[in-house]
Amino acid sequence: MAKVICITNQKGGVGKTTTAVNLSYYLAKAKYRTLLIDFDPQGNATSGLGIDKNDPSLGPTMTEVILGTATLEETIRRTKYKNFDLAPATPELANAEVEITSMQKKFVRLRDAVKTIEMGYDYIIIDSPPSLSLLTVNGMIASDYLLLPVQTEFYALEGVAQLLESMKLVMKQANPHLKLVGVVATMYDKRTSLSGQVFAEIKKYFKTLAFKTTIPRNVRVAESPSHGVPIGAYDKFSKGAKAYKELAKEVVERTK
C-alpha cells in the first residue's frame, strides 16, 4: 500500500514543486516505486520533468481524472527514470476546479482516484497548488501525510498557522489519519544571519517535526527545471542534489 504525501504551502515560490520533483526522484533512486501527481494547474512539475504541458497529443491529464472522464491509471506516464512515474497536469486543471464545485463528492475525487492505483506504488507524492483551494483540500484528504516546505526568508511562517488550521479541519471532518510528516527549510543560505534566524524559528515552532536537512539556495537546483530534469540527473554532485537525497532518507525514516 502506497504512502501518500501531499506537498503544500499556500505561499508561492517556496520550493514546493522543486521539492516534489526531487523528493520523488530520490525515492525512486532508492528503489521505491514512486508516482508524482502534478495537481497544480501551473503544471510546473510536468514541465520540470521535460513534458510539454501544451502538447495537444499529451493525452489525459489530472484534469480528466478530477472530472471523472479518465482514470488515474490512464494518465500515468513513465519517466526516463526507473521506478518514477508522473501523472501530468495542464492549466486546464484550474477550469476543472471550478467545474467540480457543483459536483457530488467534490472533496474526495482525488482520494477515490488514488485508491485505484495505490497498490502499485510505495510512495505517491502530490504537488498541490500554492493556495488553500478545493484542489489543495482534495490533496489533503487523499493523503496520509503533509510535507510543508518553508522558505528561510522574512514572512516565512506567515500563513502557516492558517494552513495548519485547515489541516486540523480536514482531519476532523474527512481524514482523521492525516499527519504532518515534517517541515523542510528551503532556499537556506548559511552565509546570511536571516536564514539562520528563520531556521531557528522553524525548529522552535515545529520542534521534532522540522527536518534536519535544509535545502540550500543553489543555482544548479534553479537551473535543472529549465532542462526538464531533476537536480540528481542534472548535477548529482551539487549541494542541492545532496540535500534532496538526504531529505528522501529522512522521509523514508519518518514514514516507516
C-alpha atoms as a PDB file:
ATOM      1  CA  MET A   1       0.000   0.000   0.000  1.00  0.00           C
ATOM      2  CA  ALA A   2       1.454   3.345  -1.044  1.00  0.00           C
ATOM      3  CA  LYS A   3       2.296   6.076   1.422  1.00  0.00           C
ATOM      4  CA  VAL A   4       0.675   9.237   0.060  1.00  0.00           C
ATOM      5  CA  ILE A   5       2.380  12.566   0.774  1.00  0.00           C
ATOM      6  CA  CYS A   6       0.882  15.926  -0.141  1.00  0.00           C
ATOM      7  CA  ILE A   7       3.453  18.708  -0.513  1.00  0.00           C
ATOM      8  CA  THR A   8       1.758  22.002   0.146  1.00  0.00           C
ATOM      9  CA  ASN A   9       2.197  25.615   1.155  1.00  0.00           C
ATOM     10  CA  GLN A  10      -0.298  28.347   0.358  1.00  0.00           C
ATOM     11  CA  LYS A  11       2.635  30.712  -0.218  1.00  0.00           C
ATOM     12  CA  GLY A  12       4.144  30.513  -3.706  1.00  0.00           C
ATOM     13  CA  GLY A  13       7.840  30.499  -4.508  1.00  0.00           C
ATOM     14  CA  VAL A  14       8.927  28.416  -1.522  1.00  0.00           C
ATOM     15  CA  GLY A  15      10.317  25.459  -3.473  1.00  0.00           C
ATOM     16  CA  LYS A  16       7.169  23.324  -3.274  1.00  0.00           C
ATOM     17  CA  THR A  17       7.309  21.887  -6.792  1.00  0.00           C
ATOM     18  CA  THR A  18      11.109  21.626  -6.722  1.00  0.00           C
ATOM     19  CA  THR A  19      10.763  19.574  -3.542  1.00  0.00           C
ATOM     20  CA  ALA A  20       8.008  17.395  -5.050  1.00  0.00           C
ATOM     21  CA  VAL A  21      10.067  16.582  -8.162  1.00  0.00           C
ATOM     22  CA  ASN A  22      13.383  15.982  -6.430  1.00  0.00           C
ATOM     23  CA  LEU A  23      11.999  14.088  -3.453  1.00  0.00           C
ATOM     24  CA  SER A  24      10.160  11.807  -5.896  1.00  0.00           C
ATOM     25  CA  TYR A  25      13.342  11.322  -7.916  1.00  0.00           C
ATOM     26  CA  TYR A  26      15.410  10.290  -4.899  1.00  0.00           C
ATOM     27  CA  LEU A  27      12.709   7.999  -3.540  1.00  0.00           C
ATOM     28  CA  ALA A  28      12.724   6.284  -6.941  1.00  0.00           C
ATOM     29  CA  LYS A  29      16.542   6.153  -6.890  1.00  0.00           C
ATOM     30  CA  ALA A  30      16.261   4.385  -3.540  1.00  0.00           C
ATOM     31  CA  LYS A  31      14.227   1.704  -5.367  1.00  0.00           C
ATOM     32  CA  TYR A  32      10.816   2.787  -4.095  1.00  0.00           C
ATOM     33  CA  ARG A  33       8.121   2.695  -6.779  1.00  0.00           C
ATOM     34  CA  THR A  34       7.112   6.344  -6.899  1.00  0.00           C
ATOM     35  CA  LEU A  35       4.293   8.270  -8.566  1.00  0.00           C
ATOM     36  CA  LEU A  36       4.325  12.059  -8.698  1.00  0.00           C
ATOM     37  CA  ILE A  37       0.863  13.556  -9.183  1.00  0.00           C
ATOM     38  CA  ASP A  38       1.033  17.071 -10.584  1.00  0.00           C
ATOM     39  CA  PHE A  39      -2.071  18.613  -9.027  1.00  0.00           C
ATOM     40  CA  ASP A  40      -1.116  22.240  -9.612  1.00  0.00           C
ATOM     41  CA  PRO A  41      -2.713  23.989 -12.637  1.00  0.00           C
ATOM     42  CA  GLN A  42       0.624  25.679 -13.297  1.00  0.00           C
ATOM     43  CA  GLY A  43       1.902  22.249 -14.337  1.00  0.00           C
ATOM     44  CA  ASN A  44       5.467  23.032 -13.285  1.00  0.00           C
ATOM     45  CA  ALA A  45       6.196  19.500 -12.080  1.00  0.00           C
ATOM     46  CA  THR A  46       5.147  18.280 -15.530  1.00  0.00           C
ATOM     47  CA  SER A  47       7.368  20.683 -17.451  1.00  0.00           C
ATOM     48  CA  GLY A  48      10.139  20.205 -14.881  1.00  0.00           C
ATOM     49  CA  LEU A  49      10.309  16.582 -15.983  1.00  0.00           C
ATOM     50  CA  GLY A  50      10.629  17.505 -19.641  1.00  0.00           C
ATOM     51  CA  ILE A  51       6.995  17.044 -20.679  1.00  0.00           C
ATOM     52  CA  ASP A  52       5.340  19.751 -22.775  1.00  0.00           C
ATOM     53  CA  LYS A  53       2.111  20.526 -20.923  1.00  0.00           C
ATOM     54  CA  ASN A  54       0.816  22.378 -24.016  1.00  0.00           C
ATOM     55  CA  ASP A  55       1.297  19.408 -26.345  1.00  0.00           C
ATOM     56  CA  PRO A  56      -2.160  18.572 -27.818  1.00  0.00           C
ATOM     57  CA  SER A  57      -1.147  14.907 -28.074  1.00  0.00           C
ATOM     58  CA  LEU A  58      -0.367  14.668 -24.359  1.00  0.00           C
ATOM     59  CA  GLY A  59      -3.465  12.589 -23.690  1.00  0.00           C
ATOM     60  CA  PRO A  60      -5.497  12.501 -20.477  1.00  0.00           C
ATOM     61  CA  THR A  61      -4.156  14.523 -17.538  1.00  0.00           C
ATOM     62  CA  MET A  62      -5.269  15.268 -13.987  1.00  0.00           C
ATOM     63  CA  THR A  63      -7.990  17.497 -15.448  1.00  0.00           C
ATOM     64  CA  GLU A  64      -9.792  14.463 -16.844  1.00  0.00           C
ATOM     65  CA  VAL A  65      -9.177  12.498 -13.647  1.00  0.00           C
ATOM     66  CA  ILE A  66     -10.770  15.140 -11.433  1.00  0.00           C
ATOM     67  CA  LEU A  67     -13.720  15.491 -13.824  1.00  0.00           C
ATOM     68  CA  GLY A  68     -14.175  11.722 -13.883  1.00  0.00           C
ATOM     69  CA  THR A  69     -13.709  11.332 -17.658  1.00  0.00           C
ATOM     70  CA  ALA A  70     -10.460   9.340 -17.336  1.00  0.00           C
ATOM     71  CA  THR A  71      -8.913   7.075 -14.715  1.00  0.00           C
ATOM     72  CA  LEU A  72      -5.711   7.942 -12.905  1.00  0.00           C
ATOM     73  CA  GLU A  73      -4.100   4.862 -14.419  1.00  0.00           C
ATOM     74  CA  GLU A  74      -4.823   6.214 -17.910  1.00  0.00           C
ATOM     75  CA  THR A  75      -2.960   9.465 -17.175  1.00  0.00           C
ATOM     76  CA  ILE A  76       0.225   7.935 -15.773  1.00  0.00           C
ATOM     77  CA  ARG A  77       3.373   8.400 -17.857  1.00  0.00           C
ATOM     78  CA  ARG A  78       6.619   6.555 -17.347  1.00  0.00           C
ATOM     79  CA  THR A  79       9.505   8.968 -16.909  1.00  0.00           C
ATOM     80  CA  LYS A  80      13.007   8.203 -18.168  1.00  0.00           C
ATOM     81  CA  TYR A  81      13.964   7.273 -14.598  1.00  0.00           C
ATOM     82  CA  LYS A  82      13.469   3.815 -13.159  1.00  0.00           C
ATOM     83  CA  ASN A  83      10.640   3.471 -10.586  1.00  0.00           C
ATOM     84  CA  PHE A  84       9.461   7.048 -11.286  1.00  0.00           C
ATOM     85  CA  ASP A  85       6.058   7.755 -12.886  1.00  0.00           C
ATOM     86  CA  LEU A  86       4.175  11.012 -13.430  1.00  0.00           C
ATOM     87  CA  ALA A  87       0.504  11.957 -13.651  1.00  0.00           C
ATOM     88  CA  PRO A  88       0.757  15.270 -15.563  1.00  0.00           C
ATOM     89  CA  ALA A  89      -1.250  18.479 -15.257  1.00  0.00           C
ATOM     90  CA  THR A  90      -2.071  21.345 -17.598  1.00  0.00           C
ATOM     91  CA  PRO A  91      -3.523  24.836 -16.968  1.00  0.00           C
ATOM     92  CA  GLU A  92      -6.967  23.379 -17.775  1.00  0.00           C
ATOM     93  CA  LEU A  93      -6.958  21.935 -14.270  1.00  0.00           C
ATOM     94  CA  ALA A  94      -7.914  25.404 -12.980  1.00  0.00           C
ATOM     95  CA  ASN A  95     -11.126  25.278 -15.032  1.00  0.00           C
ATOM     96  CA  ALA A  96     -11.820  21.756 -13.801  1.00  0.00           C
ATOM     97  CA  GLU A  97     -11.591  23.000 -10.215  1.00  0.00           C
ATOM     98  CA  VAL A  98     -14.428  25.440 -10.928  1.00  0.00           C
ATOM     99  CA  GLU A  99     -16.494  22.706 -12.602  1.00  0.00           C
ATOM    100  CA  ILE A 100     -16.280  20.252  -9.707  1.00  0.00           C
ATOM    101  CA  THR A 101     -17.614  22.781  -7.174  1.00  0.00           C
ATOM    102  CA  SER A 102     -21.136  21.809  -8.213  1.00  0.00           C
ATOM    103  CA  MET A 103     -20.428  18.073  -8.469  1.00  0.00           C
ATOM    104  CA  GLN A 104     -21.019  15.349  -5.921  1.00  0.00           C
ATOM    105  CA  LYS A 105     -18.061  14.190  -3.819  1.00  0.00           C
ATOM    106  CA  LYS A 106     -16.126  17.319  -4.781  1.00  0.00           C
ATOM    107  CA  PHE A 107     -13.719  16.940  -1.848  1.00  0.00           C
ATOM    108  CA  VAL A 108     -12.802  13.279  -2.330  1.00  0.00           C
ATOM    109  CA  ARG A 109     -12.352  12.990  -6.073  1.00  0.00           C
ATOM    110  CA  LEU A 110      -8.570  12.697  -5.841  1.00  0.00           C
ATOM    111  CA  ARG A 111      -8.768  10.289  -2.912  1.00  0.00           C
ATOM    112  CA  ASP A 112     -11.064   7.987  -4.874  1.00  0.00           C
ATOM    113  CA  ALA A 113      -8.735   8.134  -7.893  1.00  0.00           C
ATOM    114  CA  VAL A 114      -5.637   7.391  -5.802  1.00  0.00           C
ATOM    115  CA  LYS A 115      -7.287   4.362  -4.198  1.00  0.00           C
ATOM    116  CA  THR A 116      -7.487   2.691  -7.615  1.00  0.00           C
ATOM    117  CA  ILE A 117      -3.693   2.629  -8.127  1.00  0.00           C
ATOM    118  CA  GLU A 118      -2.126   2.811  -4.658  1.00  0.00           C
ATOM    119  CA  MET A 119      -1.260  -0.892  -4.565  1.00  0.00           C
ATOM    120  CA  GLY A 120       1.155  -0.355  -7.461  1.00  0.00           C
ATOM    121  CA  TYR A 121       3.407   2.123  -5.635  1.00  0.00           C
ATOM    122  CA  ASP A 122       5.439   2.556  -2.480  1.00  0.00           C
ATOM    123  CA  TYR A 123       5.129   6.360  -2.484  1.00  0.00           C
ATOM    124  CA  ILE A 124       2.674   8.738  -4.123  1.00  0.00           C
ATOM    125  CA  ILE A 125       3.709  12.388  -3.982  1.00  0.00           C
ATOM    126  CA  ILE A 126       1.077  15.081  -4.663  1.00  0.00           C
ATOM    127  CA  ASP A 127       2.250  18.532  -5.754  1.00  0.00           C
ATOM    128  CA  SER A 128      -0.664  20.766  -4.736  1.00  0.00           C
ATOM    129  CA  PRO A 129      -1.364  24.401  -5.732  1.00  0.00           C
ATOM    130  CA  PRO A 130       0.095  27.321  -3.731  1.00  0.00           C
ATOM    131  CA  SER A 131      -3.291  28.162  -2.203  1.00  0.00           C
ATOM    132  CA  LEU A 132      -5.922  26.795   0.158  1.00  0.00           C
ATOM    133  CA  SER A 133      -8.109  25.776  -2.761  1.00  0.00           C
ATOM    134  CA  LEU A 134     -10.506  22.933  -3.459  1.00  0.00           C
ATOM    135  CA  LEU A 135      -7.634  21.121  -5.187  1.00  0.00           C
ATOM    136  CA  THR A 136      -5.441  21.508  -2.103  1.00  0.00           C
ATOM    137  CA  VAL A 137      -8.198  20.140   0.143  1.00  0.00           C
ATOM    138  CA  ASN A 138      -8.574  17.196  -2.258  1.00  0.00           C
ATOM    139  CA  GLY A 139      -4.831  16.611  -1.901  1.00  0.00           C
ATOM    140  CA  MET A 140      -5.016  16.655   1.903  1.00  0.00           C
ATOM    141  CA  ILE A 141      -7.949  14.279   2.015  1.00  0.00           C
ATOM    142  CA  ALA A 142      -6.212  11.870  -0.385  1.00  0.00           C
ATOM    143  CA  SER A 143      -3.018  11.766   1.686  1.00  0.00           C
ATOM    144  CA  ASP A 144      -1.521  10.033   4.686  1.00  0.00           C
ATOM    145  CA  TYR A 145       0.983  12.823   5.284  1.00  0.00           C
ATOM    146  CA  LEU A 146       1.570  16.512   4.633  1.00  0.00           C
ATOM    147  CA  LEU A 147       5.054  17.829   3.916  1.00  0.00           C
ATOM    148  CA  LEU A 148       5.476  21.559   4.325  1.00  0.00           C
ATOM    149  CA  PRO A 149       8.344  23.445   2.610  1.00  0.00           C
ATOM    150  CA  VAL A 150       9.074  26.763   4.319  1.00  0.00           C
ATOM    151  CA  GLN A 151      11.384  29.357   2.806  1.00  0.00           C
ATOM    152  CA  THR A 152      14.049  30.689   5.178  1.00  0.00           C
ATOM    153  CA  GLU A 153      13.207  34.305   4.479  1.00  0.00           C
ATOM    154  CA  PHE A 154      11.229  37.085   6.119  1.00  0.00           C
ATOM    155  CA  TYR A 155       7.484  36.326   6.445  1.00  0.00           C
ATOM    156  CA  ALA A 156       8.303  32.611   6.057  1.00  0.00           C
ATOM    157  CA  LEU A 157       5.903  31.462   8.766  1.00  0.00           C
ATOM    158  CA  GLU A 158       3.163  33.858   7.712  1.00  0.00           C
ATOM    159  CA  GLY A 159       0.133  31.834   6.660  1.00  0.00           C
ATOM    160  CA  VAL A 160       1.499  28.572   8.077  1.00  0.00           C
ATOM    161  CA  ALA A 161      -0.860  28.766  11.066  1.00  0.00           C
ATOM    162  CA  GLN A 162      -3.834  29.044   8.699  1.00  0.00           C
ATOM    163  CA  LEU A 163      -2.587  26.045   6.728  1.00  0.00           C
ATOM    164  CA  LEU A 164      -2.280  24.001   9.919  1.00  0.00           C
ATOM    165  CA  GLU A 165      -5.820  25.019  10.901  1.00  0.00           C
ATOM    166  CA  SER A 166      -7.023  23.757   7.525  1.00  0.00           C
ATOM    167  CA  MET A 167      -5.177  20.506   8.155  1.00  0.00           C
ATOM    168  CA  LYS A 168      -6.915  20.124  11.524  1.00  0.00           C
ATOM    169  CA  LEU A 169     -10.279  20.780   9.895  1.00  0.00           C
ATOM    170  CA  VAL A 170      -9.596  18.133   7.244  1.00  0.00           C
ATOM    171  CA  MET A 171      -8.556  15.690   9.963  1.00  0.00           C
ATOM    172  CA  LYS A 172     -11.709  16.379  11.953  1.00  0.00           C
ATOM    173  CA  GLN A 173     -14.166  16.156   9.079  1.00  0.00           C
ATOM    174  CA  ALA A 174     -12.688  13.942   6.371  1.00  0.00           C
ATOM    175  CA  ASN A 175      -9.287  12.371   7.042  1.00  0.00           C
ATOM    176  CA  PRO A 176      -8.527  11.594  10.706  1.00  0.00           C
ATOM    177  CA  HIS A 177      -5.344   9.723   9.760  1.00  0.00           C
ATOM    178  CA  LEU A 178      -3.614  12.734   8.185  1.00  0.00           C
ATOM    179  CA  LYS A 179      -0.270  13.611   9.790  1.00  0.00           C
ATOM    180  CA  LEU A 180       2.338  16.309   9.290  1.00  0.00           C
ATOM    181  CA  VAL A 181       5.422  14.303   8.301  1.00  0.00           C
ATOM    182  CA  GLY A 182       7.644  17.338   8.610  1.00  0.00           C
ATOM    183  CA  VAL A 183       8.659  20.856   7.716  1.00  0.00           C
ATOM    184  CA  VAL A 184      11.654  21.411   5.452  1.00  0.00           C
ATOM    185  CA  ALA A 185      13.548  24.697   5.335  1.00  0.00           C
ATOM    186  CA  THR A 186      14.178  25.691   1.718  1.00  0.00           C
ATOM    187  CA  MET A 187      16.379  28.285  -0.002  1.00  0.00           C
ATOM    188  CA  TYR A 188      18.649  28.192   3.033  1.00  0.00           C
ATOM    189  CA  ASP A 189      21.715  30.402   2.788  1.00  0.00           C
ATOM    190  CA  LYS A 190      24.155  29.757   5.620  1.00  0.00           C
ATOM    191  CA  ARG A 191      26.032  32.961   4.730  1.00  0.00           C
ATOM    192  CA  THR A 192      23.162  35.114   5.991  1.00  0.00           C
ATOM    193  CA  SER A 193      22.092  35.523   9.591  1.00  0.00           C
ATOM    194  CA  LEU A 194      18.451  35.795   8.460  1.00  0.00           C
ATOM    195  CA  SER A 195      18.399  32.204   7.155  1.00  0.00           C
ATOM    196  CA  GLY A 196      19.811  31.011  10.454  1.00  0.00           C
ATOM    197  CA  GLN A 197      17.280  33.005  12.436  1.00  0.00           C
ATOM    198  CA  VAL A 198      14.316  31.761  10.394  1.00  0.00           C
ATOM    199  CA  PHE A 199      15.514  28.149  10.610  1.00  0.00           C
ATOM    200  CA  ALA A 200      15.816  28.570  14.377  1.00  0.00           C
ATOM    201  CA  GLU A 201      12.216  29.854  14.435  1.00  0.00           C
ATOM    202  CA  ILE A 202      11.071  26.858  12.368  1.00  0.00           C
ATOM    203  CA  LYS A 203      12.753  24.459  14.826  1.00  0.00           C
ATOM    204  CA  LYS A 204      11.309  26.354  17.794  1.00  0.00           C
ATOM    205  CA  TYR A 205       7.785  26.288  16.336  1.00  0.00           C
ATOM    206  CA  PHE A 206       7.742  22.746  14.928  1.00  0.00           C
ATOM    207  CA  LYS A 207      10.296  21.080  17.227  1.00  0.00           C
ATOM    208  CA  THR A 208      10.922  17.467  16.130  1.00  0.00           C
ATOM    209  CA  LEU A 209       8.748  17.947  13.038  1.00  0.00           C
ATOM    210  CA  ALA A 210      11.435  20.179  11.495  1.00  0.00           C
ATOM    211  CA  PHE A 211      13.602  18.094   9.165  1.00  0.00           C
ATOM    212  CA  LYS A 212      17.318  18.117   9.990  1.00  0.00           C
ATOM    213  CA  THR A 213      18.048  18.504   6.291  1.00  0.00           C
ATOM    214  CA  THR A 214      17.874  22.015   4.864  1.00  0.00           C
ATOM    215  CA  ILE A 215      17.612  22.728   1.141  1.00  0.00           C
ATOM    216  CA  PRO A 216      20.239  25.308   0.182  1.00  0.00           C
ATOM    217  CA  ARG A 217      19.782  28.206  -2.177  1.00  0.00           C
ATOM    218  CA  ASN A 218      21.573  26.629  -5.122  1.00  0.00           C
ATOM    219  CA  VAL A 219      21.976  27.785  -8.718  1.00  0.00           C
ATOM    220  CA  ARG A 220      22.063  24.208 -10.041  1.00  0.00           C
ATOM    221  CA  VAL A 221      18.696  23.436  -8.408  1.00  0.00           C
ATOM    222  CA  ALA A 222      17.242  26.568 -10.019  1.00  0.00           C
ATOM    223  CA  GLU A 223      18.637  25.601 -13.431  1.00  0.00           C
ATOM    224  CA  SER A 224      17.522  21.969 -13.576  1.00  0.00           C
ATOM    225  CA  PRO A 225      13.774  22.530 -14.317  1.00  0.00           C
ATOM    226  CA  SER A 226      14.632  24.540 -17.442  1.00  0.00           C
ATOM    227  CA  HIS A 227      16.424  21.431 -18.704  1.00  0.00           C
ATOM    228  CA  GLY A 228      13.439  19.232 -17.839  1.00  0.00           C
ATOM    229  CA  VAL A 229      15.332  17.065 -15.367  1.00  0.00           C
ATOM    230  CA  PRO A 230      15.554  16.634 -11.566  1.00  0.00           C
ATOM    231  CA  ILE A 231      18.644  18.002  -9.853  1.00  0.00           C
ATOM    232  CA  GLY A 232      20.027  14.494  -9.328  1.00  0.00           C
ATOM    233  CA  ALA A 233      20.095  13.929 -13.094  1.00  0.00           C
ATOM    234  CA  TYR A 234      21.365  17.438 -13.821  1.00  0.00           C
ATOM    235  CA  ASP A 235      24.214  17.686 -11.307  1.00  0.00           C
ATOM    236  CA  LYS A 236      24.268  14.869  -8.768  1.00  0.00           C
ATOM    237  CA  PHE A 237      27.306  16.356  -7.026  1.00  0.00           C
ATOM    238  CA  SER A 238      25.699  19.732  -6.336  1.00  0.00           C
ATOM    239  CA  LYS A 239      24.763  20.817  -2.814  1.00  0.00           C
ATOM    240  CA  GLY A 240      21.102  20.804  -3.803  1.00  0.00           C
ATOM    241  CA  ALA A 241      21.238  17.209  -5.042  1.00  0.00           C
ATOM    242  CA  LYS A 242      22.929  16.024  -1.858  1.00  0.00           C
ATOM    243  CA  ALA A 243      20.325  17.847   0.252  1.00  0.00           C
ATOM    244  CA  TYR A 244      17.349  16.289  -1.536  1.00  0.00           C
ATOM    245  CA  LYS A 245      18.938  12.860  -1.284  1.00  0.00           C
ATOM    246  CA  GLU A 246      19.230  13.349   2.494  1.00  0.00           C
ATOM    247  CA  LEU A 247      15.659  14.648   2.705  1.00  0.00           C
ATOM    248  CA  ALA A 248      14.415  11.495   0.956  1.00  0.00           C
ATOM    249  CA  LYS A 249      16.202   9.381   3.579  1.00  0.00           C
ATOM    250  CA  GLU A 250      14.531  11.344   6.383  1.00  0.00           C
ATOM    251  CA  VAL A 251      11.108  10.997   4.740  1.00  0.00           C
ATOM    252  CA  VAL A 252      11.544   7.222   4.438  1.00  0.00           C
ATOM    253  CA  GLU A 253      12.573   7.009   8.090  1.00  0.00           C
ATOM    254  CA  ARG A 254       9.571   9.055   9.254  1.00  0.00           C
ATOM    255  CA  THR A 255       7.042   7.086   7.193  1.00  0.00           C
ATOM    256  CA  LYS A 256       8.121   3.580   8.198  1.00  0.00           C
END
